[in-house]
Amino acid sequence: MNATPMGDEARERTALRDAKRYLASYREGVLAFDGQQVPVKFVSDHADGRLVISAPVAVFFAHEHVLWVPEETLDSMQLLISAEEVGESVATDRWQAYHADPEHVRWAACWIDSARLGAWVFDGDAMVGANPLGGVESAVVKEVNADRDVLRRMCEASLGMKMESPLCVGLVPEGLHVRARFGVVLVAFDEPVETEEGVGGALAALKKRQ
């Protein structure tokens, strides 16, 4: 991991943890390439952490791609990415579970080459990786959605906003991805977890916030 400004290992670990949570908090952004800017939605591939995007054809003819998350502002995350066209897969099915119908006709899987958030810059390898919870996501999502009223109260307590008909659509170490009428949000765990047992404890903590 390369990071600036230079600091001790604890500061770098904290900055990286915060950057990962920031990225997990959003599932949409603005993709800039060849002078164009296109709003996009994405998910992370469980297998390797690549970002999967519904993309216009022109993306694959560009040589440089910058993804702003969630929009192009000084405070936003800036990702330098490499886009590769891919076919339909488990990851694109997951995209549709998150976002419904795709806006564009092609799918792109994108490696993160580097990430910038504030004064910190990270190698892409530090930002991506297999989701250790991918194998239990389906079961956890089903469990959470079994009582939608509890889910609604959990979301409202965590996010501080009213949510009508929330639906849990995904699980990442940082928390639950929940689809609402205005988009997908992260209901964050207190700390990232990487095991099924850790998820159980994190869910219990979320329910106590109600």
C-alpha atoms as a PDB file:
ATOM      1  CA  MET A   1       0.000   0.000   0.000  1.00  0.00           C
ATOM      2  CA  ASN A   2       1.321   3.415  -0.954  1.00  0.00           C
ATOM      3  CA  ALA A   3      -0.243   6.295   0.887  1.00  0.00           C
ATOM      4  CA  THR A   4       0.421   9.983   1.251  1.00  0.00           C
ATOM      5  CA  PRO A   5       1.012  11.885   3.435  1.00  0.00           C
ATOM      6  CA  MET A   6       3.420   9.477   5.103  1.00  0.00           C
ATOM      7  CA  GLY A   7       2.430   8.462   8.596  1.00  0.00           C
ATOM      8  CA  ASP A   8       2.726   5.604  10.998  1.00  0.00           C
ATOM      9  CA  GLU A   9       1.149   2.247  10.256  1.00  0.00           C
ATOM     10  CA  ALA A  10      -1.811   2.871  12.546  1.00  0.00           C
ATOM     11  CA  ARG A  11      -2.760   6.059  10.676  1.00  0.00           C
ATOM     12  CA  GLU A  12      -2.443   4.293   7.332  1.00  0.00           C
ATOM     13  CA  ARG A  13      -4.584   1.358   8.484  1.00  0.00           C
ATOM     14  CA  THR A  14      -7.234   3.753   9.765  1.00  0.00           C
ATOM     15  CA  ALA A  15      -7.190   5.758   6.532  1.00  0.00           C
ATOM     16  CA  LEU A  16      -7.522   2.588   4.436  1.00  0.00           C
ATOM     17  CA  ARG A  17     -10.353   1.268   6.600  1.00  0.00           C
ATOM     18  CA  ASP A  18     -12.168   4.593   6.219  1.00  0.00           C
ATOM     19  CA  ALA A  19     -11.622   4.572   2.448  1.00  0.00           C
ATOM     20  CA  LYS A  20     -13.043   1.065   2.125  1.00  0.00           C
ATOM     21  CA  ARG A  21     -16.077   2.000   4.197  1.00  0.00           C
ATOM     22  CA  TYR A  22     -16.535   5.123   2.095  1.00  0.00           C
ATOM     23  CA  LEU A  23     -16.512   3.076  -1.104  1.00  0.00           C
ATOM     24  CA  ALA A  24     -18.878   0.494   0.406  1.00  0.00           C
ATOM     25  CA  SER A  25     -21.266   3.311   1.348  1.00  0.00           C
ATOM     26  CA  TYR A  26     -21.995   4.128  -2.287  1.00  0.00           C
ATOM     27  CA  ARG A  27     -23.081   2.014  -5.231  1.00  0.00           C
ATOM     28  CA  GLU A  28     -23.168   4.765  -7.834  1.00  0.00           C
ATOM     29  CA  GLY A  29     -20.865   7.347  -9.298  1.00  0.00           C
ATOM     30  CA  VAL A  30     -19.856   9.348 -12.363  1.00  0.00           C
ATOM     31  CA  LEU A  31     -17.570   7.703 -14.920  1.00  0.00           C
ATOM     32  CA  ALA A  32     -15.327  10.110 -16.842  1.00  0.00           C
ATOM     33  CA  PHE A  33     -13.608   9.029 -20.078  1.00  0.00           C
ATOM     34  CA  ASP A  34     -12.595  10.754 -23.311  1.00  0.00           C
ATOM     35  CA  GLY A  35     -14.211  14.020 -22.236  1.00  0.00           C
ATOM     36  CA  GLN A  36     -17.507  12.328 -21.418  1.00  0.00           C
ATOM     37  CA  GLN A  37     -19.186  11.913 -18.049  1.00  0.00           C
ATOM     38  CA  VAL A  38     -21.753   9.164 -17.546  1.00  0.00           C
ATOM     39  CA  PRO A  39     -23.689   8.361 -14.349  1.00  0.00           C
ATOM     40  CA  VAL A  40     -23.171   4.687 -13.482  1.00  0.00           C
ATOM     41  CA  LYS A  41     -24.208   2.192 -10.826  1.00  0.00           C
ATOM     42  CA  PHE A  42     -21.988  -0.624  -9.653  1.00  0.00           C
ATOM     43  CA  VAL A  43     -21.524  -3.610  -7.378  1.00  0.00           C
ATOM     44  CA  SER A  44     -18.410  -5.470  -6.253  1.00  0.00           C
ATOM     45  CA  ASP A  45     -17.709  -8.940  -7.593  1.00  0.00           C
ATOM     46  CA  HIS A  46     -17.547 -11.348  -4.649  1.00  0.00           C
ATOM     47  CA  ALA A  47     -14.781 -13.346  -6.307  1.00  0.00           C
ATOM     48  CA  ASP A  48     -12.137 -10.639  -6.685  1.00  0.00           C
ATOM     49  CA  GLY A  49     -13.562  -7.269  -5.682  1.00  0.00           C
ATOM     50  CA  ARG A  50     -13.693  -5.804  -9.185  1.00  0.00           C
ATOM     51  CA  LEU A  51     -16.407  -3.193  -9.691  1.00  0.00           C
ATOM     52  CA  VAL A  52     -19.099  -4.369 -12.106  1.00  0.00           C
ATOM     53  CA  ILE A  53     -20.772  -1.588 -14.068  1.00  0.00           C
ATOM     54  CA  SER A  54     -23.523  -1.314 -16.645  1.00  0.00           C
ATOM     55  CA  ALA A  55     -21.576   0.642 -19.266  1.00  0.00           C
ATOM     56  CA  PRO A  56     -22.095   2.343 -22.631  1.00  0.00           C
ATOM     57  CA  VAL A  57     -20.167   0.893 -25.582  1.00  0.00           C
ATOM     58  CA  ALA A  58     -17.905   3.956 -25.820  1.00  0.00           C
ATOM     59  CA  VAL A  59     -16.272   3.030 -22.496  1.00  0.00           C
ATOM     60  CA  PHE A  60     -14.375   0.174 -24.140  1.00  0.00           C
ATOM     61  CA  PHE A  61     -12.723   2.433 -26.708  1.00  0.00           C
ATOM     62  CA  ALA A  62     -11.304   4.823 -24.102  1.00  0.00           C
ATOM     63  CA  HIS A  63      -7.800   4.511 -22.664  1.00  0.00           C
ATOM     64  CA  GLU A  64      -8.305   6.220 -19.316  1.00  0.00           C
ATOM     65  CA  HIS A  65     -11.258   5.951 -16.970  1.00  0.00           C
ATOM     66  CA  VAL A  66     -11.878   7.878 -13.772  1.00  0.00           C
ATOM     67  CA  LEU A  67     -14.778   6.940 -11.522  1.00  0.00           C
ATOM     68  CA  TRP A  68     -15.935   9.618  -9.102  1.00  0.00           C
ATOM     69  CA  VAL A  69     -17.859   8.265  -6.127  1.00  0.00           C
ATOM     70  CA  PRO A  70     -20.571   9.359  -5.693  1.00  0.00           C
ATOM     71  CA  GLU A  71     -20.076  12.484  -7.856  1.00  0.00           C
ATOM     72  CA  GLU A  72     -17.361  14.773  -9.136  1.00  0.00           C
ATOM     73  CA  THR A  73     -16.556  17.023  -6.181  1.00  0.00           C
ATOM     74  CA  LEU A  74     -13.402  17.823  -4.241  1.00  0.00           C
ATOM     75  CA  ASP A  75     -14.642  15.738  -1.310  1.00  0.00           C
ATOM     76  CA  SER A  76     -15.500  12.665  -3.386  1.00  0.00           C
ATOM     77  CA  MET A  77     -13.445   9.535  -3.896  1.00  0.00           C
ATOM     78  CA  GLN A  78     -11.561   9.411  -7.183  1.00  0.00           C
ATOM     79  CA  LEU A  79     -10.808   5.972  -8.639  1.00  0.00           C
ATOM     80  CA  LEU A  80      -8.505   5.374 -11.581  1.00  0.00           C
ATOM     81  CA  ILE A  81      -9.890   2.170 -13.103  1.00  0.00           C
ATOM     82  CA  SER A  82      -9.234  -0.267 -15.951  1.00  0.00           C
ATOM     83  CA  ALA A  83     -12.420  -1.455 -17.645  1.00  0.00           C
ATOM     84  CA  GLU A  84     -12.841  -4.818 -19.365  1.00  0.00           C
ATOM     85  CA  GLU A  85     -15.993  -5.935 -21.168  1.00  0.00           C
ATOM     86  CA  VAL A  86     -17.574  -9.053 -19.651  1.00  0.00           C
ATOM     87  CA  GLY A  87     -20.653 -11.151 -20.277  1.00  0.00           C
ATOM     88  CA  GLU A  88     -23.541 -11.940 -17.994  1.00  0.00           C
ATOM     89  CA  SER A  89     -22.520 -13.723 -14.805  1.00  0.00           C
ATOM     90  CA  VAL A  90     -23.308 -14.140 -11.128  1.00  0.00           C
ATOM     91  CA  ALA A  91     -21.875 -10.652 -10.638  1.00  0.00           C
ATOM     92  CA  THR A  92     -24.190  -9.069 -13.221  1.00  0.00           C
ATOM     93  CA  ASP A  93     -27.129 -10.909 -11.642  1.00  0.00           C
ATOM     94  CA  ARG A  94     -26.079  -9.321  -8.355  1.00  0.00           C
ATOM     95  CA  TRP A  95     -25.972  -5.920 -10.075  1.00  0.00           C
ATOM     96  CA  GLN A  96     -29.598  -6.396 -11.116  1.00  0.00           C
ATOM     97  CA  ALA A  97     -30.585  -7.446  -7.595  1.00  0.00           C
ATOM     98  CA  TYR A  98     -29.146  -4.132  -6.412  1.00  0.00           C
ATOM     99  CA  HIS A  99     -30.259  -1.833  -9.219  1.00  0.00           C
ATOM    100  CA  ALA A 100     -32.964  -3.615 -11.300  1.00  0.00           C
ATOM    101  CA  ASP A 101     -32.780  -3.025 -15.065  1.00  0.00           C
ATOM    102  CA  PRO A 102     -29.401  -1.868 -16.476  1.00  0.00           C
ATOM    103  CA  GLU A 103     -29.209   1.523 -18.151  1.00  0.00           C
ATOM    104  CA  HIS A 104     -26.675   0.423 -20.781  1.00  0.00           C
ATOM    105  CA  VAL A 105     -26.244  -2.547 -23.103  1.00  0.00           C
ATOM    106  CA  ARG A 106     -22.784  -3.757 -22.028  1.00  0.00           C
ATOM    107  CA  TRP A 107     -21.173  -4.930 -18.803  1.00  0.00           C
ATOM    108  CA  ALA A 108     -17.749  -3.834 -17.579  1.00  0.00           C
ATOM    109  CA  ALA A 109     -15.604  -5.335 -14.832  1.00  0.00           C
ATOM    110  CA  CYS A 110     -13.206  -2.740 -13.503  1.00  0.00           C
ATOM    111  CA  TRP A 111      -9.979  -3.116 -11.573  1.00  0.00           C
ATOM    112  CA  ILE A 112      -9.130  -0.223  -9.296  1.00  0.00           C
ATOM    113  CA  ASP A 113      -5.630   0.976 -10.228  1.00  0.00           C
ATOM    114  CA  SER A 114      -5.508   3.654  -7.546  1.00  0.00           C
ATOM    115  CA  ALA A 115      -7.848   5.471  -5.186  1.00  0.00           C
ATOM    116  CA  ARG A 116      -7.735   8.985  -3.789  1.00  0.00           C
ATOM    117  CA  LEU A 117      -9.792  10.254  -0.876  1.00  0.00           C
ATOM    118  CA  GLY A 118      -8.837  13.583   0.612  1.00  0.00           C
ATOM    119  CA  ALA A 119      -5.065  13.693   1.105  1.00  0.00           C
ATOM    120  CA  TRP A 120      -4.666   9.907   0.931  1.00  0.00           C
ATOM    121  CA  VAL A 121      -3.785   7.877  -2.149  1.00  0.00           C
ATOM    122  CA  PHE A 122      -3.928   4.073  -2.136  1.00  0.00           C
ATOM    123  CA  ASP A 123      -2.838   1.360  -4.527  1.00  0.00           C
ATOM    124  CA  GLY A 124      -5.807  -0.374  -6.091  1.00  0.00           C
ATOM    125  CA  ASP A 125      -4.749  -3.745  -4.663  1.00  0.00           C
ATOM    126  CA  ALA A 126      -5.362  -2.373  -1.183  1.00  0.00           C
ATOM    127  CA  MET A 127      -8.934  -1.458  -2.101  1.00  0.00           C
ATOM    128  CA  VAL A 128     -10.146  -4.691  -3.691  1.00  0.00           C
ATOM    129  CA  GLY A 129     -10.277  -8.358  -2.802  1.00  0.00           C
ATOM    130  CA  ALA A 130     -12.621 -11.305  -2.498  1.00  0.00           C
ATOM    131  CA  ASN A 131     -15.608 -10.797  -0.209  1.00  0.00           C
ATOM    132  CA  PRO A 132     -15.098 -13.217   2.710  1.00  0.00           C
ATOM    133  CA  LEU A 133     -18.860 -13.105   3.333  1.00  0.00           C
ATOM    134  CA  GLY A 134     -19.903 -13.964  -0.209  1.00  0.00           C
ATOM    135  CA  GLY A 135     -20.781 -17.531   0.733  1.00  0.00           C
ATOM    136  CA  VAL A 136     -23.255 -16.486   3.431  1.00  0.00           C
ATOM    137  CA  GLU A 137     -24.704 -13.415   1.726  1.00  0.00           C
ATOM    138  CA  SER A 138     -27.816 -15.161   0.411  1.00  0.00           C
ATOM    139  CA  ALA A 139     -28.719 -16.658   3.784  1.00  0.00           C
ATOM    140  CA  VAL A 140     -28.103 -13.396   5.660  1.00  0.00           C
ATOM    141  CA  VAL A 141     -30.106 -11.348   3.147  1.00  0.00           C
ATOM    142  CA  LYS A 142     -33.004 -13.800   3.461  1.00  0.00           C
ATOM    143  CA  GLU A 143     -32.825 -13.645   7.259  1.00  0.00           C
ATOM    144  CA  VAL A 144     -32.747  -9.846   7.362  1.00  0.00           C
ATOM    145  CA  ASN A 145     -35.644  -9.507   4.920  1.00  0.00           C
ATOM    146  CA  ALA A 146     -37.786 -11.977   6.870  1.00  0.00           C
ATOM    147  CA  ASP A 147     -38.960  -9.138   9.134  1.00  0.00           C
ATOM    148  CA  ARG A 148     -39.142  -5.993   7.052  1.00  0.00           C
ATOM    149  CA  ASP A 149     -40.445  -3.910   9.965  1.00  0.00           C
ATOM    150  CA  VAL A 150     -37.340  -4.728  12.002  1.00  0.00           C
ATOM    151  CA  LEU A 151     -35.213  -3.919   8.941  1.00  0.00           C
ATOM    152  CA  ARG A 152     -36.969  -0.576   8.515  1.00  0.00           C
ATOM    153  CA  ARG A 153     -36.396   0.388  12.159  1.00  0.00           C
ATOM    154  CA  MET A 154     -32.793  -0.785  11.959  1.00  0.00           C
ATOM    155  CA  CYS A 155     -32.212   1.370   8.875  1.00  0.00           C
ATOM    156  CA  GLU A 156     -33.855   4.417  10.396  1.00  0.00           C
ATOM    157  CA  ALA A 157     -31.852   4.098  13.626  1.00  0.00           C
ATOM    158  CA  SER A 158     -28.579   3.678  11.735  1.00  0.00           C
ATOM    159  CA  LEU A 159     -29.104   6.265   9.000  1.00  0.00           C
ATOM    160  CA  GLY A 160     -31.273   8.792  10.814  1.00  0.00           C
ATOM    161  CA  MET A 161     -33.885   8.942   8.061  1.00  0.00           C
ATOM    162  CA  LYS A 162     -37.293   7.489   7.310  1.00  0.00           C
ATOM    163  CA  MET A 163     -37.258   4.650   4.812  1.00  0.00           C
ATOM    164  CA  GLU A 164     -40.295   3.120   3.165  1.00  0.00           C
ATOM    165  CA  SER A 165     -40.137  -0.541   2.104  1.00  0.00           C
ATOM    166  CA  PRO A 166     -36.365  -1.086   2.459  1.00  0.00           C
ATOM    167  CA  LEU A 167     -34.990  -4.315   0.998  1.00  0.00           C
ATOM    168  CA  CYS A 168     -31.656  -5.853   1.949  1.00  0.00           C
ATOM    169  CA  VAL A 169     -29.818  -6.800  -1.243  1.00  0.00           C
ATOM    170  CA  GLY A 170     -26.237  -7.476  -0.196  1.00  0.00           C
ATOM    171  CA  LEU A 171     -23.664  -8.148   2.488  1.00  0.00           C
ATOM    172  CA  VAL A 172     -20.094  -6.834   2.660  1.00  0.00           C
ATOM    173  CA  PRO A 173     -17.646  -6.728   5.579  1.00  0.00           C
ATOM    174  CA  GLU A 174     -18.605  -3.103   6.220  1.00  0.00           C
ATOM    175  CA  GLY A 175     -22.335  -3.795   6.574  1.00  0.00           C
ATOM    176  CA  LEU A 176     -25.622  -4.444   4.796  1.00  0.00           C
ATOM    177  CA  HIS A 177     -26.545  -2.959   1.445  1.00  0.00           C
ATOM    178  CA  VAL A 178     -30.183  -1.934   1.492  1.00  0.00           C
ATOM    179  CA  ARG A 179     -32.188  -0.797  -1.505  1.00  0.00           C
ATOM    180  CA  ALA A 180     -34.577   2.087  -0.923  1.00  0.00           C
ATOM    181  CA  ARG A 181     -36.624   4.180  -3.312  1.00  0.00           C
ATOM    182  CA  PHE A 182     -33.788   6.676  -3.679  1.00  0.00           C
ATOM    183  CA  GLY A 183     -31.004   4.135  -4.210  1.00  0.00           C
ATOM    184  CA  VAL A 184     -28.771   1.672  -2.389  1.00  0.00           C
ATOM    185  CA  VAL A 185     -27.365   2.628   1.013  1.00  0.00           C
ATOM    186  CA  LEU A 186     -24.998   0.996   3.488  1.00  0.00           C
ATOM    187  CA  VAL A 187     -26.273   0.139   6.937  1.00  0.00           C
ATOM    188  CA  ALA A 188     -22.837   0.000   8.508  1.00  0.00           C
ATOM    189  CA  PHE A 189     -21.612  -2.379  11.159  1.00  0.00           C
ATOM    190  CA  ASP A 190     -19.691  -0.878  14.064  1.00  0.00           C
ATOM    191  CA  GLU A 191     -16.549  -2.542  12.705  1.00  0.00           C
ATOM    192  CA  PRO A 192     -15.887  -4.588   9.544  1.00  0.00           C
ATOM    193  CA  VAL A 193     -16.457  -8.331   9.985  1.00  0.00           C
ATOM    194  CA  GLU A 194     -15.152 -11.273   7.974  1.00  0.00           C
ATOM    195  CA  THR A 195     -16.860 -14.339   9.459  1.00  0.00           C
ATOM    196  CA  GLU A 196     -20.395 -15.680   9.778  1.00  0.00           C
ATOM    197  CA  GLU A 197     -20.095 -15.455  13.563  1.00  0.00           C
ATOM    198  CA  GLY A 198     -19.004 -11.855  13.244  1.00  0.00           C
ATOM    199  CA  VAL A 199     -22.056 -11.085  11.107  1.00  0.00           C
ATOM    200  CA  GLY A 200     -24.327 -12.527  13.795  1.00  0.00           C
ATOM    201  CA  GLY A 201     -22.846 -10.241  16.422  1.00  0.00           C
ATOM    202  CA  ALA A 202     -22.953  -7.225  14.106  1.00  0.00           C
ATOM    203  CA  LEU A 203     -26.630  -7.815  13.304  1.00  0.00           C
ATOM    204  CA  ALA A 204     -27.443  -8.118  16.994  1.00  0.00           C
ATOM    205  CA  ALA A 205     -25.725  -4.771  17.598  1.00  0.00           C
ATOM    206  CA  LEU A 206     -27.716  -3.151  14.781  1.00  0.00           C
ATOM    207  CA  LYS A 207     -30.995  -4.380  16.258  1.00  0.00           C
ATOM    208  CA  LYS A 208     -30.103  -2.912  19.635  1.00  0.00           C
ATOM    209  CA  ARG A 209     -29.930   0.550  18.043  1.00  0.00           C
ATOM    210  CA  GLN A 210     -33.689   0.530  17.376  1.00  0.00           C
END
